[in-house]
Amino acid sequence: MTRAYQVALLLSAAAFLAYGIACLAFDGMKRDFERFGMGHLRVLTGTLEVLGALGLLVGYARWPALVAASAAGLALLMGAGVATRVRVLDSLAQTLPALVLLLLNAAVAWYALASSR
Protein backbone atom coordinates (compact mmCIF):
# COMPACT_ATOMS: atom_id res chain seq x y z
CA MET A 1 0.00 0.00 0.00
CA THR A 2 1.45 3.33 -0.97
CA ARG A 3 1.42 6.38 1.26
CA ALA A 4 -0.47 8.38 -1.41
CA TYR A 5 -3.25 5.76 -1.42
CA GLN A 6 -3.50 5.84 2.37
CA VAL A 7 -3.63 9.64 2.43
CA ALA A 8 -6.24 9.75 -0.35
CA LEU A 9 -8.40 7.17 1.41
CA LEU A 10 -8.25 8.92 4.78
CA LEU A 11 -8.79 12.35 3.20
CA SER A 12 -11.85 11.07 1.37
CA ALA A 13 -13.25 9.42 4.49
CA ALA A 14 -12.80 12.62 6.51
CA ALA A 15 -14.33 14.78 3.79
CA PHE A 16 -17.37 12.56 3.36
CA LEU A 17 -17.95 12.24 7.09
CA ALA A 18 -17.92 16.04 7.31
CA TYR A 19 -20.07 16.60 4.20
CA GLY A 20 -22.47 13.81 5.15
CA ILE A 21 -23.01 15.14 8.66
CA ALA A 22 -23.38 18.68 7.27
CA CYS A 23 -25.89 17.40 4.75
CA LEU A 24 -27.94 15.75 7.47
CA ALA A 25 -27.69 18.47 10.11
CA PHE A 26 -27.12 21.97 8.70
CA ASP A 27 -29.49 24.41 7.04
CA GLY A 28 -26.94 25.56 4.45
CA MET A 29 -26.94 22.16 2.82
CA LYS A 30 -30.73 22.03 3.01
CA ARG A 31 -30.89 25.32 1.10
CA ASP A 32 -28.45 24.01 -1.51
CA PHE A 33 -30.49 20.88 -2.13
CA GLU A 34 -33.65 22.96 -2.44
CA ARG A 35 -31.84 25.26 -4.90
CA PHE A 36 -30.92 22.17 -6.94
CA GLY A 37 -34.58 21.07 -6.91
CA MET A 38 -33.55 17.96 -4.98
CA GLY A 39 -34.61 18.68 -1.42
CA HIS A 40 -36.16 15.23 -1.23
CA LEU A 41 -32.73 13.60 -1.77
CA ARG A 42 -30.79 15.45 0.94
CA VAL A 43 -31.17 12.87 3.71
CA LEU A 44 -30.43 9.99 1.34
CA THR A 45 -27.33 11.78 0.02
CA GLY A 46 -26.05 12.58 3.51
CA THR A 47 -26.64 9.01 4.64
CA LEU A 48 -24.82 7.60 1.60
CA GLU A 49 -21.89 9.95 2.22
CA VAL A 50 -21.56 8.88 5.85
CA LEU A 51 -21.94 5.19 4.98
CA GLY A 52 -19.38 5.54 2.18
CA ALA A 53 -16.90 7.17 4.56
CA LEU A 54 -17.44 4.42 7.13
CA GLY A 55 -17.01 1.83 4.38
CA LEU A 56 -13.66 3.34 3.48
CA LEU A 57 -12.51 3.24 7.10
CA VAL A 58 -13.80 -0.25 7.88
CA GLY A 59 -12.43 -1.52 4.59
CA TYR A 60 -9.04 -0.01 5.30
CA ALA A 61 -8.94 -1.56 8.77
CA ARG A 62 -10.57 -4.94 8.17
CA TRP A 63 -12.01 -5.70 4.73
CA PRO A 64 -10.07 -4.33 1.74
CA ALA A 65 -12.75 -5.26 -0.83
CA LEU A 66 -15.09 -2.81 0.90
CA VAL A 67 -12.71 0.05 0.05
CA ALA A 68 -13.18 -0.46 -3.69
CA ALA A 69 -16.98 -0.68 -3.39
CA SER A 70 -17.22 2.35 -1.10
CA ALA A 71 -14.86 4.49 -3.18
CA ALA A 72 -16.65 3.56 -6.41
CA GLY A 73 -20.02 4.40 -4.86
CA LEU A 74 -18.73 7.74 -3.61
CA ALA A 75 -17.24 8.50 -7.04
CA LEU A 76 -20.64 7.81 -8.63
CA LEU A 77 -22.33 10.01 -6.05
CA MET A 78 -19.90 12.83 -6.84
CA GLY A 79 -20.50 12.28 -10.56
CA ALA A 80 -24.15 13.02 -9.88
CA GLY A 81 -23.07 16.02 -7.80
CA VAL A 82 -20.95 17.40 -10.63
CA ALA A 83 -23.79 16.86 -13.10
CA THR A 84 -26.18 18.67 -10.77
CA ARG A 85 -23.81 21.61 -10.35
CA VAL A 86 -23.41 21.86 -14.12
CA ARG A 87 -27.19 21.63 -14.63
CA VAL A 88 -27.86 24.56 -12.28
CA LEU A 89 -24.99 26.56 -13.86
CA ASP A 90 -22.84 26.77 -10.74
CA SER A 91 -19.36 28.22 -11.12
CA LEU A 92 -16.22 26.14 -11.44
CA ALA A 93 -15.31 27.12 -7.89
CA GLN A 94 -18.63 25.70 -6.65
CA THR A 95 -18.24 22.55 -8.74
CA LEU A 96 -14.56 21.89 -7.99
CA PRO A 97 -14.97 20.14 -4.59
CA ALA A 98 -17.31 17.53 -6.10
CA LEU A 99 -15.01 17.09 -9.10
CA VAL A 100 -11.93 16.63 -6.91
CA LEU A 101 -13.74 14.11 -4.70
CA LEU A 102 -14.95 12.26 -7.81
CA LEU A 103 -11.38 11.93 -9.11
CA LEU A 104 -9.95 11.11 -5.69
CA ASN A 105 -12.44 8.30 -5.09
CA ALA A 106 -12.06 6.95 -8.62
CA ALA A 107 -8.31 6.71 -7.99
CA VAL A 108 -8.84 5.02 -4.61
CA ALA A 109 -11.28 2.52 -6.14
CA TRP A 110 -8.90 1.78 -9.02
CA TYR A 111 -5.94 1.27 -6.70
CA ALA A 112 -7.97 -0.91 -4.32
CA LEU A 113 -9.15 -3.09 -7.22
CA ALA A 114 -5.66 -3.33 -8.70
CA SER A 115 -4.17 -4.23 -5.31
CA SER A 116 -6.67 -7.00 -4.67
CA ARG A 117 -5.63 -9.01 -7.73
C-alpha atoms as a PDB file:
ATOM      1  CA  MET A   1       0.000   0.000   0.000  1.00  0.00           C
ATOM      2  CA  THR A   2       1.448   3.333  -0.969  1.00  0.00           C
ATOM      3  CA  ARG A   3       1.422   6.376   1.263  1.00  0.00           C
ATOM      4  CA  ALA A   4      -0.469   8.383  -1.406  1.00  0.00           C
ATOM      5  CA  TYR A   5      -3.250   5.763  -1.418  1.00  0.00           C
ATOM      6  CA  GLN A   6      -3.502   5.841   2.367  1.00  0.00           C
ATOM      7  CA  VAL A   7      -3.634   9.645   2.432  1.00  0.00           C
ATOM      8  CA  ALA A   8      -6.240   9.747  -0.348  1.00  0.00           C
ATOM      9  CA  LEU A   9      -8.401   7.168   1.409  1.00  0.00           C
ATOM     10  CA  LEU A  10      -8.248   8.920   4.779  1.00  0.00           C
ATOM     11  CA  LEU A  11      -8.791  12.355   3.202  1.00  0.00           C
ATOM     12  CA  SER A  12     -11.848  11.074   1.370  1.00  0.00           C
ATOM     13  CA  ALA A  13     -13.248   9.421   4.492  1.00  0.00           C
ATOM     14  CA  ALA A  14     -12.798  12.622   6.511  1.00  0.00           C
ATOM     15  CA  ALA A  15     -14.333  14.784   3.786  1.00  0.00           C
ATOM     16  CA  PHE A  16     -17.365  12.556   3.358  1.00  0.00           C
ATOM     17  CA  LEU A  17     -17.946  12.245   7.095  1.00  0.00           C
ATOM     18  CA  ALA A  18     -17.916  16.039   7.308  1.00  0.00           C
ATOM     19  CA  TYR A  19     -20.069  16.599   4.205  1.00  0.00           C
ATOM     20  CA  GLY A  20     -22.465  13.814   5.150  1.00  0.00           C
ATOM     21  CA  ILE A  21     -23.011  15.144   8.656  1.00  0.00           C
ATOM     22  CA  ALA A  22     -23.384  18.676   7.275  1.00  0.00           C
ATOM     23  CA  CYS A  23     -25.892  17.400   4.750  1.00  0.00           C
ATOM     24  CA  LEU A  24     -27.943  15.755   7.475  1.00  0.00           C
ATOM     25  CA  ALA A  25     -27.691  18.475  10.106  1.00  0.00           C
ATOM     26  CA  PHE A  26     -27.118  21.968   8.697  1.00  0.00           C
ATOM     27  CA  ASP A  27     -29.492  24.406   7.045  1.00  0.00           C
ATOM     28  CA  GLY A  28     -26.939  25.563   4.454  1.00  0.00           C
ATOM     29  CA  MET A  29     -26.945  22.156   2.817  1.00  0.00           C
ATOM     30  CA  LYS A  30     -30.730  22.028   3.011  1.00  0.00           C
ATOM     31  CA  ARG A  31     -30.894  25.323   1.103  1.00  0.00           C
ATOM     32  CA  ASP A  32     -28.446  24.013  -1.507  1.00  0.00           C
ATOM     33  CA  PHE A  33     -30.493  20.875  -2.128  1.00  0.00           C
ATOM     34  CA  GLU A  34     -33.650  22.961  -2.441  1.00  0.00           C
ATOM     35  CA  ARG A  35     -31.841  25.260  -4.903  1.00  0.00           C
ATOM     36  CA  PHE A  36     -30.924  22.173  -6.938  1.00  0.00           C
ATOM     37  CA  GLY A  37     -34.583  21.068  -6.912  1.00  0.00           C
ATOM     38  CA  MET A  38     -33.546  17.964  -4.980  1.00  0.00           C
ATOM     39  CA  GLY A  39     -34.609  18.680  -1.419  1.00  0.00           C
ATOM     40  CA  HIS A  40     -36.160  15.226  -1.227  1.00  0.00           C
ATOM     41  CA  LEU A  41     -32.727  13.602  -1.771  1.00  0.00           C
ATOM     42  CA  ARG A  42     -30.788  15.453   0.940  1.00  0.00           C
ATOM     43  CA  VAL A  43     -31.169  12.871   3.713  1.00  0.00           C
ATOM     44  CA  LEU A  44     -30.432   9.993   1.337  1.00  0.00           C
ATOM     45  CA  THR A  45     -27.330  11.776   0.024  1.00  0.00           C
ATOM     46  CA  GLY A  46     -26.046  12.575   3.513  1.00  0.00           C
ATOM     47  CA  THR A  47     -26.643   9.007   4.637  1.00  0.00           C
ATOM     48  CA  LEU A  48     -24.819   7.596   1.599  1.00  0.00           C
ATOM     49  CA  GLU A  49     -21.894   9.949   2.225  1.00  0.00           C
ATOM     50  CA  VAL A  50     -21.564   8.877   5.855  1.00  0.00           C
ATOM     51  CA  LEU A  51     -21.940   5.187   4.978  1.00  0.00           C
ATOM     52  CA  GLY A  52     -19.377   5.540   2.184  1.00  0.00           C
ATOM     53  CA  ALA A  53     -16.897   7.170   4.561  1.00  0.00           C
ATOM     54  CA  LEU A  54     -17.436   4.424   7.128  1.00  0.00           C
ATOM     55  CA  GLY A  55     -17.013   1.827   4.384  1.00  0.00           C
ATOM     56  CA  LEU A  56     -13.658   3.340   3.476  1.00  0.00           C
ATOM     57  CA  LEU A  57     -12.508   3.241   7.098  1.00  0.00           C
ATOM     58  CA  VAL A  58     -13.805  -0.254   7.877  1.00  0.00           C
ATOM     59  CA  GLY A  59     -12.435  -1.521   4.589  1.00  0.00           C
ATOM     60  CA  TYR A  60      -9.039  -0.009   5.296  1.00  0.00           C
ATOM     61  CA  ALA A  61      -8.942  -1.562   8.766  1.00  0.00           C
ATOM     62  CA  ARG A  62     -10.575  -4.945   8.168  1.00  0.00           C
ATOM     63  CA  TRP A  63     -12.007  -5.699   4.731  1.00  0.00           C
ATOM     64  CA  PRO A  64     -10.072  -4.329   1.740  1.00  0.00           C
ATOM     65  CA  ALA A  65     -12.749  -5.260  -0.830  1.00  0.00           C
ATOM     66  CA  LEU A  66     -15.088  -2.808   0.897  1.00  0.00           C
ATOM     67  CA  VAL A  67     -12.711   0.055   0.051  1.00  0.00           C
ATOM     68  CA  ALA A  68     -13.184  -0.463  -3.690  1.00  0.00           C
ATOM     69  CA  ALA A  69     -16.976  -0.676  -3.395  1.00  0.00           C
ATOM     70  CA  SER A  70     -17.220   2.350  -1.104  1.00  0.00           C
ATOM     71  CA  ALA A  71     -14.864   4.492  -3.179  1.00  0.00           C
ATOM     72  CA  ALA A  72     -16.648   3.558  -6.409  1.00  0.00           C
ATOM     73  CA  GLY A  73     -20.024   4.401  -4.857  1.00  0.00           C
ATOM     74  CA  LEU A  74     -18.733   7.745  -3.611  1.00  0.00           C
ATOM     75  CA  ALA A  75     -17.244   8.496  -7.037  1.00  0.00           C
ATOM     76  CA  LEU A  76     -20.644   7.811  -8.631  1.00  0.00           C
ATOM     77  CA  LEU A  77     -22.330  10.015  -6.046  1.00  0.00           C
ATOM     78  CA  MET A  78     -19.903  12.827  -6.843  1.00  0.00           C
ATOM     79  CA  GLY A  79     -20.496  12.277 -10.562  1.00  0.00           C
ATOM     80  CA  ALA A  80     -24.153  13.021  -9.877  1.00  0.00           C
ATOM     81  CA  GLY A  81     -23.072  16.015  -7.802  1.00  0.00           C
ATOM     82  CA  VAL A  82     -20.946  17.403 -10.634  1.00  0.00           C
ATOM     83  CA  ALA A  83     -23.793  16.863 -13.104  1.00  0.00           C
ATOM     84  CA  THR A  84     -26.185  18.666 -10.772  1.00  0.00           C
ATOM     85  CA  ARG A  85     -23.810  21.611 -10.347  1.00  0.00           C
ATOM     86  CA  VAL A  86     -23.411  21.860 -14.124  1.00  0.00           C
ATOM     87  CA  ARG A  87     -27.189  21.632 -14.625  1.00  0.00           C
ATOM     88  CA  VAL A  88     -27.857  24.563 -12.283  1.00  0.00           C
ATOM     89  CA  LEU A  89     -24.993  26.557 -13.856  1.00  0.00           C
ATOM     90  CA  ASP A  90     -22.839  26.772 -10.736  1.00  0.00           C
ATOM     91  CA  SER A  91     -19.364  28.217 -11.116  1.00  0.00           C
ATOM     92  CA  LEU A  92     -16.221  26.140 -11.443  1.00  0.00           C
ATOM     93  CA  ALA A  93     -15.306  27.119  -7.886  1.00  0.00           C
ATOM     94  CA  GLN A  94     -18.626  25.705  -6.651  1.00  0.00           C
ATOM     95  CA  THR A  95     -18.236  22.545  -8.743  1.00  0.00           C
ATOM     96  CA  LEU A  96     -14.564  21.890  -7.991  1.00  0.00           C
ATOM     97  CA  PRO A  97     -14.966  20.137  -4.593  1.00  0.00           C
ATOM     98  CA  ALA A  98     -17.305  17.534  -6.097  1.00  0.00           C
ATOM     99  CA  LEU A  99     -15.013  17.086  -9.103  1.00  0.00           C
ATOM    100  CA  VAL A 100     -11.931  16.634  -6.911  1.00  0.00           C
ATOM    101  CA  LEU A 101     -13.738  14.109  -4.704  1.00  0.00           C
ATOM    102  CA  LEU A 102     -14.950  12.264  -7.812  1.00  0.00           C
ATOM    103  CA  LEU A 103     -11.381  11.932  -9.114  1.00  0.00           C
ATOM    104  CA  LEU A 104      -9.954  11.113  -5.686  1.00  0.00           C
ATOM    105  CA  ASN A 105     -12.443   8.300  -5.094  1.00  0.00           C
ATOM    106  CA  ALA A 106     -12.062   6.947  -8.621  1.00  0.00           C
ATOM    107  CA  ALA A 107      -8.310   6.710  -7.991  1.00  0.00           C
ATOM    108  CA  VAL A 108      -8.836   5.018  -4.611  1.00  0.00           C
ATOM    109  CA  ALA A 109     -11.284   2.518  -6.143  1.00  0.00           C
ATOM    110  CA  TRP A 110      -8.900   1.780  -9.025  1.00  0.00           C
ATOM    111  CA  TYR A 111      -5.937   1.270  -6.703  1.00  0.00           C
ATOM    112  CA  ALA A 112      -7.971  -0.908  -4.325  1.00  0.00           C
ATOM    113  CA  LEU A 113      -9.153  -3.090  -7.215  1.00  0.00           C
ATOM    114  CA  ALA A 114      -5.663  -3.333  -8.705  1.00  0.00           C
ATOM    115  CA  SER A 115      -4.173  -4.226  -5.305  1.00  0.00           C
ATOM    116  CA  SER A 116      -6.665  -6.995  -4.671  1.00  0.00           C
ATOM    117  CA  ARG A 117      -5.634  -9.011  -7.726  1.00  0.00           C
END
